[in-house]
């Protein structure tokens, strides 16, 4: 019997080909170091959003980093986005109707902006030290706050129905008015992009875009911005896709049709990586005839790959695997030399929807 047990341990060690980072002791907190921060939205109504932190130099994972750093405090219900400015992170918590503000190094909360009414903060964009914006999906508006004083201003602008994605370039803000799928798809400003002057806080124009636009990313190097749009159940030919716009002309340049979950950009190389139903697609945006090509295949099609991020310093792709939306997810890290399997993976909270990086130069 002892020989059999010993043999089992040997076999398990041999087949463990992917190194999984280990969780530290609960009392140990990370020092200031380069890290990946994973925002996990949780389940609606369960108040179980979390933040996980992966220390890049050490390969150590701190699950539920926010609550570990703030005993007795929970992040809230449905955290949808996280934005970093220096050492400070701002989290839009839609269901809890709040913006959580914390030190990303030690996880300590600076406080939270509690919003009156049913606004539903969705995405944030920080323009400078005194001016930041967020979309309010339930109020159909853009609101303004000071990211240094953490004070909400009285400014607001009504845009299209269910604004979600938010991005900026110089004085421009770009807002994706999703229409919340089919719910408000017949609204006159549904499926549009509101282009706003960030300083005068005026809507300059409205761009018609794909149905149910969700996410916007700007590439300041090429002066282009990209909008992902998603399938509408009411339309049989609606599969979703990605649209490229020129910032100077505010005109559509080209578009690609495929079922898209999320996307990210390699800004320097001008490459787009997008999650579809089968894995990861790659689009070389330098080529005018570029078409999506299969880059990574999801080996377990029942797993839902939910988010993606590119880490430029070591040229890796990070994928947030939500699995079936009901259980804890995992993070998969792929390098470009062996895209057939992840080089690392580790467990995370429920429904990892955003991955951001903080690079510390020592």
Protein backbone atom coordinates (compact mmCIF):
# COMPACT_ATOMS: atom_id res chain seq x y z
CA UNK A 1 0.00 0.00 0.00
CA UNK A 2 2.82 2.45 0.89
CA UNK A 3 4.55 1.74 -2.42
CA UNK A 4 1.30 2.51 -4.29
CA UNK A 5 0.84 5.80 -2.44
CA UNK A 6 4.45 6.74 -3.15
CA UNK A 7 3.97 5.93 -6.84
CA UNK A 8 0.84 8.10 -7.01
CA UNK A 9 2.74 11.08 -5.62
CA UNK A 10 5.49 10.60 -8.20
CA UNK A 11 2.98 10.43 -11.07
CA UNK A 12 1.16 13.55 -9.87
CA UNK A 13 4.41 15.48 -9.75
CA UNK A 14 5.30 14.40 -13.28
CA UNK A 15 1.99 15.38 -14.87
CA UNK A 16 1.92 18.78 -13.18
CA UNK A 17 3.36 20.62 -16.21
CA UNK A 18 1.87 24.08 -15.52
CA UNK A 19 3.25 25.88 -12.50
CA UNK A 20 0.46 27.25 -10.32
CA UNK A 21 1.32 30.18 -8.05
CA UNK A 22 0.68 29.55 -4.40
CA UNK A 23 -1.39 31.70 -2.08
CA UNK A 24 0.59 33.31 0.76
CA UNK A 25 -0.22 33.24 4.44
CA UNK A 26 -3.14 35.52 5.21
CA UNK A 27 -1.05 37.84 7.42
CA UNK A 28 1.53 38.63 4.74
CA UNK A 29 0.76 41.62 2.51
CA UNK A 30 2.74 42.59 -0.59
CA UNK A 31 5.26 45.40 -0.58
CA UNK A 32 5.40 47.92 -3.41
CA UNK A 33 6.17 45.78 -6.43
CA UNK A 34 5.00 45.17 -9.99
CA UNK A 35 1.68 43.38 -10.01
CA UNK A 36 -1.37 42.30 -11.96
CA UNK A 37 -4.68 43.32 -10.41
CA UNK A 38 -7.77 41.27 -11.24
CA UNK A 39 -11.24 42.66 -10.70
CA UNK A 40 -13.87 39.95 -10.21
CA UNK A 41 -17.44 41.16 -10.50
CA UNK A 42 -19.12 38.32 -8.61
CA UNK A 43 -22.83 37.57 -8.99
CA UNK A 44 -25.64 40.11 -9.13
CA UNK A 45 -27.27 40.59 -5.74
CA UNK A 46 -24.68 38.57 -3.81
CA UNK A 47 -22.41 41.47 -2.79
CA UNK A 48 -19.38 39.33 -3.58
CA UNK A 49 -17.15 41.36 -5.92
CA UNK A 50 -13.44 40.91 -5.14
CA UNK A 51 -9.98 42.09 -6.11
CA UNK A 52 -7.14 39.61 -6.51
CA UNK A 53 -3.49 40.59 -6.79
CA UNK A 54 -0.65 38.68 -8.45
CA UNK A 55 2.92 39.76 -7.60
CA UNK A 56 4.77 39.52 -10.91
CA UNK A 57 8.30 39.19 -9.52
CA UNK A 58 7.46 36.49 -6.96
CA UNK A 59 4.58 34.66 -8.62
CA UNK A 60 2.46 34.98 -5.46
CA UNK A 61 -1.32 35.35 -5.56
CA UNK A 62 -3.35 37.25 -2.97
CA UNK A 63 -6.96 36.19 -3.43
CA UNK A 64 -9.60 38.62 -2.14
CA UNK A 65 -6.80 41.15 -1.65
CA UNK A 66 -9.17 44.04 -0.90
CA UNK A 67 -10.96 42.35 2.02
CA UNK A 68 -7.69 40.89 3.28
CA UNK A 69 -6.32 44.44 3.50
CA UNK A 70 -9.54 45.87 4.95
CA UNK A 71 -10.94 43.40 7.52
CA UNK A 72 -14.71 43.59 7.74
CA UNK A 73 -15.04 45.56 4.50
CA UNK A 74 -16.37 44.11 1.23
CA UNK A 75 -15.96 45.67 -2.19
CA UNK A 76 -19.67 45.49 -3.00
CA UNK A 77 -22.09 44.20 -5.60
CA UNK A 78 -21.00 43.87 -9.27
CA UNK A 79 -17.72 45.73 -9.64
CA UNK A 80 -17.54 46.47 -13.36
CA UNK A 81 -14.33 48.41 -13.93
CA UNK A 82 -11.06 49.43 -12.29
CA UNK A 83 -8.91 52.39 -13.34
CA UNK A 84 -5.42 53.15 -12.07
CA UNK A 85 -3.81 56.56 -11.57
CA UNK A 86 -0.41 56.25 -9.96
CA UNK A 87 -0.81 54.17 -6.82
CA UNK A 88 -4.55 54.87 -6.56
CA UNK A 89 -7.23 52.60 -7.99
CA UNK A 90 -10.83 53.63 -8.66
CA UNK A 91 -13.47 50.90 -8.90
CA UNK A 92 -16.96 51.41 -10.32
CA UNK A 93 -19.32 49.16 -8.33
CA UNK A 94 -22.56 49.16 -10.29
CA UNK A 95 -24.95 47.29 -8.01
CA UNK A 96 -23.72 49.06 -4.86
CA UNK A 97 -24.00 52.43 -6.62
CA UNK A 98 -20.54 53.50 -5.47
CA UNK A 99 -16.96 54.20 -6.46
CA UNK A 100 -14.37 52.54 -4.24
CA UNK A 101 -10.96 54.23 -3.98
CA UNK A 102 -7.93 52.34 -2.67
CA UNK A 103 -4.15 52.22 -2.53
CA UNK A 104 -3.19 49.52 -5.01
CA UNK A 105 0.09 48.71 -3.22
CA UNK A 106 -1.32 47.70 0.14
CA UNK A 107 -5.01 47.43 -0.73
CA UNK A 108 -6.06 49.92 1.94
CA UNK A 109 -9.31 51.76 1.20
CA UNK A 110 -9.18 55.54 1.02
CA UNK A 111 -12.98 55.61 1.12
CA UNK A 112 -15.86 55.36 -1.29
CA UNK A 113 -18.09 57.77 -3.14
CA UNK A 114 -21.68 56.77 -2.36
CA UNK A 115 -24.05 57.93 -5.07
CA UNK A 116 -27.62 59.07 -4.49
CA UNK A 117 -30.35 57.57 -6.62
CA UNK A 118 -30.08 54.57 -8.91
CA UNK A 119 -27.18 55.65 -11.14
CA UNK A 120 -25.24 52.42 -11.70
CA UNK A 121 -21.62 53.56 -12.26
CA UNK A 122 -20.14 51.42 -15.01
CA UNK A 123 -16.81 52.66 -16.41
CA UNK A 124 -14.34 55.40 -15.45
CA UNK A 125 -11.91 57.63 -17.29
CA UNK A 126 -9.42 59.91 -15.49
CA UNK A 127 -8.32 62.90 -17.58
CA UNK A 128 -6.02 64.66 -15.10
CA UNK A 129 -5.48 65.29 -11.37
CA UNK A 130 -8.79 67.12 -10.93
CA UNK A 131 -11.07 65.78 -13.64
CA UNK A 132 -12.53 62.28 -13.98
CA UNK A 133 -15.70 60.89 -15.55
CA UNK A 134 -17.88 57.81 -15.21
CA UNK A 135 -20.82 56.36 -17.10
CA UNK A 136 -24.11 55.77 -15.28
CA UNK A 137 -25.86 52.89 -16.96
CA UNK A 138 -29.23 53.34 -15.18
CA UNK A 139 -29.39 57.14 -15.42
CA UNK A 140 -28.23 57.27 -19.08
CA UNK A 141 -25.65 59.86 -18.12
CA UNK A 142 -22.02 60.88 -17.64
CA UNK A 143 -21.03 62.18 -14.20
CA UNK A 144 -17.90 64.03 -13.04
CA UNK A 145 -15.70 63.76 -9.93
CA UNK A 146 -12.35 65.02 -8.68
CA UNK A 147 -9.92 62.06 -8.47
CA UNK A 148 -7.64 63.87 -6.01
CA UNK A 149 -10.22 65.10 -3.49
CA UNK A 150 -12.61 62.16 -4.16
CA UNK A 151 -15.44 64.68 -4.42
CA UNK A 152 -18.41 64.31 -6.75
CA UNK A 153 -19.29 67.47 -8.69
CA UNK A 154 -22.75 68.61 -9.73
CA UNK A 155 -22.00 68.18 -13.42
CA UNK A 156 -23.88 65.56 -15.39
CA UNK A 157 -24.80 65.01 -19.01
CA UNK A 158 -27.59 62.84 -20.38
CA UNK A 159 -26.29 60.78 -23.30
CA UNK A 160 -27.80 57.70 -24.96
CA UNK A 161 -29.47 54.74 -23.25
CA UNK A 162 -27.36 52.53 -20.98
CA UNK A 163 -23.89 54.08 -21.50
CA UNK A 164 -21.17 51.52 -20.84
CA UNK A 165 -17.74 51.87 -22.45
CA UNK A 166 -15.81 55.08 -21.83
CA UNK A 167 -12.44 56.22 -23.21
CA UNK A 168 -10.62 59.45 -23.89
CA UNK A 169 -8.05 61.07 -26.16
CA UNK A 170 -6.78 64.59 -25.41
CA UNK A 171 -9.96 66.73 -25.07
CA UNK A 172 -12.31 64.04 -26.40
CA UNK A 173 -14.44 61.60 -24.44
CA UNK A 174 -16.00 58.65 -26.24
CA UNK A 175 -19.09 57.03 -24.69
CA UNK A 176 -20.68 53.78 -25.89
CA UNK A 177 -24.48 54.02 -25.61
CA UNK A 178 -25.26 50.31 -25.59
CA UNK A 179 -29.04 50.35 -25.31
CA UNK A 180 -28.62 47.45 -22.87
CA UNK A 181 -29.05 44.84 -25.56
CA UNK A 182 -32.63 44.59 -26.80
CA UNK A 183 -34.11 46.51 -23.86
CA UNK A 184 -33.66 50.00 -25.32
CA UNK A 185 -32.56 49.10 -28.84
CA UNK A 186 -35.37 51.20 -30.36
CA UNK A 187 -34.25 54.36 -28.53
CA UNK A 188 -33.12 57.04 -31.03
CA UNK A 189 -29.60 57.21 -29.53
CA UNK A 190 -29.19 53.49 -28.93
CA UNK A 191 -26.09 51.90 -30.50
CA UNK A 192 -24.25 55.20 -30.83
CA UNK A 193 -20.99 56.77 -29.67
CA UNK A 194 -21.31 60.15 -27.95
CA UNK A 195 -18.26 62.34 -28.67
CA UNK A 196 -17.88 64.85 -25.84
CA UNK A 197 -15.56 67.79 -25.23
CA UNK A 198 -14.16 66.94 -21.80
CA UNK A 199 -13.43 70.55 -20.84
CA UNK A 200 -16.59 72.32 -22.01
CA UNK A 201 -18.59 69.18 -21.19
CA UNK A 202 -20.59 69.41 -24.42
CA UNK A 203 -21.61 66.65 -26.78
CA UNK A 204 -20.02 67.51 -30.12
CA UNK A 205 -21.45 64.74 -32.27
CA UNK A 206 -23.04 61.30 -32.19
CA UNK A 207 -21.70 58.42 -34.26
CA UNK A 208 -23.93 55.55 -35.30
CA UNK A 209 -22.11 52.31 -34.53
CA UNK A 210 -22.72 48.56 -34.27
CA UNK A 211 -25.60 47.22 -32.23
CA UNK A 212 -25.08 47.08 -28.45
CA UNK A 213 -21.61 48.72 -28.24
CA UNK A 214 -19.82 47.75 -25.03
CA UNK A 215 -16.14 48.69 -24.90
CA UNK A 216 -13.94 51.46 -26.33
CA UNK A 217 -10.13 51.58 -26.50
CA UNK A 218 -8.05 54.43 -27.97
CA UNK A 219 -4.62 54.04 -29.55
CA UNK A 220 -2.96 57.45 -29.17
CA UNK A 221 -0.05 56.39 -31.41
CA UNK A 222 -2.23 55.84 -34.47
CA UNK A 223 -5.05 58.25 -33.49
CA UNK A 224 -7.64 55.52 -33.87
CA UNK A 225 -10.25 54.18 -31.48
CA UNK A 226 -11.95 50.81 -31.43
CA UNK A 227 -15.48 49.84 -30.39
CA UNK A 228 -16.70 46.31 -29.69
CA UNK A 229 -20.37 45.57 -30.25
CA UNK A 230 -22.37 42.49 -29.35
CA UNK A 231 -25.10 40.22 -30.63
CA UNK A 232 -28.76 41.25 -30.28
CA UNK A 233 -31.06 38.24 -29.75
CA UNK A 234 -33.86 39.99 -31.68
CA UNK A 235 -31.76 40.16 -34.86
CA UNK A 236 -30.95 36.87 -36.56
CA UNK A 237 -27.99 38.28 -38.49
CA UNK A 238 -26.48 40.07 -35.47
CA UNK A 239 -23.22 38.43 -34.39
CA UNK A 240 -21.24 41.41 -33.08
CA UNK A 241 -17.75 42.56 -33.93
CA UNK A 242 -15.21 45.37 -33.82
CA UNK A 243 -15.14 48.79 -35.54
CA UNK A 244 -12.14 51.07 -36.11
CA UNK A 245 -12.61 54.86 -36.20
CA UNK A 246 -10.23 57.65 -37.13
CA UNK A 247 -10.07 60.29 -34.39
CA UNK A 248 -9.17 63.16 -36.74
CA UNK A 249 -12.09 62.61 -39.12
CA UNK A 250 -14.44 60.82 -36.69
CA UNK A 251 -15.20 58.42 -39.55
CA UNK A 252 -15.40 54.63 -39.56
CA UNK A 253 -12.31 53.15 -41.20
CA UNK A 254 -13.11 49.42 -41.22
CA UNK A 255 -14.94 46.74 -39.28
CA UNK A 256 -14.79 43.05 -38.53
CA UNK A 257 -17.77 40.78 -37.81
CA UNK A 258 -17.38 38.00 -35.25
CA UNK A 259 -18.78 37.02 -31.87
CA UNK A 260 -16.70 39.07 -29.45
CA UNK A 261 -16.48 38.80 -25.67
CA UNK A 262 -13.62 41.22 -24.98
CA UNK A 263 -10.56 42.72 -26.65
CA UNK A 264 -7.28 44.47 -25.89
CA UNK A 265 -4.56 46.28 -27.83
CA UNK A 266 -0.82 46.02 -28.02
CA UNK A 267 -0.46 49.79 -28.45
CA UNK A 268 3.20 49.72 -29.48
CA UNK A 269 2.92 47.02 -32.13
CA UNK A 270 -0.64 48.03 -33.14
CA UNK A 271 -2.07 44.53 -32.69
CA UNK A 272 -5.56 43.64 -31.48
CA UNK A 273 -6.30 40.47 -29.50
CA UNK A 274 -9.97 39.54 -29.14
CA UNK A 275 -11.89 36.77 -27.38
CA UNK A 276 -14.48 34.99 -29.48
CA UNK A 277 -16.46 31.82 -28.76
CA UNK A 278 -13.49 29.55 -29.62
CA UNK A 279 -10.53 31.34 -28.04
CA UNK A 280 -8.35 34.27 -29.09
CA UNK A 281 -8.20 36.03 -32.45
CA UNK A 282 -5.33 38.24 -33.59
CA UNK A 283 -5.71 41.23 -35.92
CA UNK A 284 -2.61 43.00 -37.28
CA UNK A 285 -3.95 46.55 -37.47
CA UNK A 286 -0.93 47.70 -39.48
CA UNK A 287 -2.31 45.97 -42.55
CA UNK A 288 -5.27 47.59 -44.33
CA UNK A 289 -6.46 44.14 -45.41
CA UNK A 290 -6.09 42.63 -41.94
CA UNK A 291 -8.52 39.89 -41.01
CA UNK A 292 -8.91 38.09 -37.67
CA UNK A 293 -6.80 34.94 -37.45
CA UNK A 294 -6.86 32.20 -34.83
CA UNK A 295 -4.06 32.74 -32.29
CA UNK A 296 -5.08 30.66 -29.26
CA UNK A 297 -7.74 27.95 -29.12
CA UNK A 298 -9.83 27.49 -25.99
CA UNK A 299 -9.21 23.79 -25.17
CA UNK A 300 -12.38 23.53 -23.08
CA UNK A 301 -15.21 25.13 -24.99
CA UNK A 302 -17.56 24.96 -21.98
CA UNK A 303 -15.27 27.46 -20.23
CA UNK A 304 -16.22 31.07 -20.89
CA UNK A 305 -13.20 33.26 -21.56
CA UNK A 306 -14.45 36.56 -20.21
CA UNK A 307 -11.63 39.13 -20.25
CA UNK A 308 -8.24 39.69 -21.83
CA UNK A 309 -5.22 41.94 -21.23
CA UNK A 310 -1.80 42.37 -22.81
CA UNK A 311 1.24 42.89 -20.56
CA UNK A 312 3.76 44.74 -22.69
CA UNK A 313 6.80 44.31 -20.43
CA UNK A 314 7.05 40.56 -20.90
CA UNK A 315 4.76 40.24 -23.94
CA UNK A 316 2.17 37.93 -22.40
CA UNK A 317 -1.57 37.61 -22.82
CA UNK A 318 -3.69 37.27 -19.70
CA UNK A 319 -7.12 35.67 -19.96
CA UNK A 320 -9.84 35.82 -17.34
CA UNK A 321 -11.70 32.50 -17.48
CA UNK A 322 -15.16 32.81 -15.91
CA UNK A 323 -15.79 29.08 -16.42
CA UNK A 324 -19.61 28.82 -16.06
CA UNK A 325 -20.18 32.21 -14.32
CA UNK A 326 -21.26 30.39 -11.12
CA UNK A 327 -17.96 29.24 -9.61
CA UNK A 328 -14.56 30.82 -9.00
CA UNK A 329 -12.67 31.61 -12.16
CA UNK A 330 -9.03 31.42 -13.11
CA UNK A 331 -6.38 33.47 -14.85
CA UNK A 332 -4.47 31.93 -17.75
CA UNK A 333 -1.14 33.46 -18.84
CA UNK A 334 0.10 32.75 -22.37
CA UNK A 335 3.41 33.74 -23.92
CA UNK A 336 3.90 34.10 -27.67
CA UNK A 337 6.43 31.30 -27.99
CA UNK A 338 4.00 28.56 -26.92
CA UNK A 339 0.40 29.71 -27.47
CA UNK A 340 -0.77 26.09 -27.44
CA UNK A 341 -0.89 26.05 -23.62
CA UNK A 342 -0.69 28.56 -20.76
CA UNK A 343 2.68 29.02 -19.11
CA UNK A 344 0.95 29.75 -15.79
CA UNK A 345 -2.53 29.72 -14.30
CA UNK A 346 -4.08 30.49 -10.94
CA UNK A 347 -7.49 30.66 -9.30
CA UNK A 348 -9.33 33.95 -8.87
CA UNK A 349 -12.75 35.18 -7.79
CA UNK A 350 -16.08 34.95 -9.55
CA UNK A 351 -16.24 36.32 -13.10
CA UNK A 352 -12.90 38.10 -13.65
CA UNK A 353 -13.86 40.99 -15.93
CA UNK A 354 -10.79 43.29 -15.84
CA UNK A 355 -7.04 42.76 -15.58
CA UNK A 356 -4.72 45.75 -15.15
CA UNK A 357 -0.98 46.02 -14.49
CA UNK A 358 1.18 48.20 -12.31
CA UNK A 359 4.86 48.30 -13.31
CA UNK A 360 7.24 49.43 -10.56
CA UNK A 361 10.73 50.44 -11.68
CA UNK A 362 13.21 49.55 -8.97
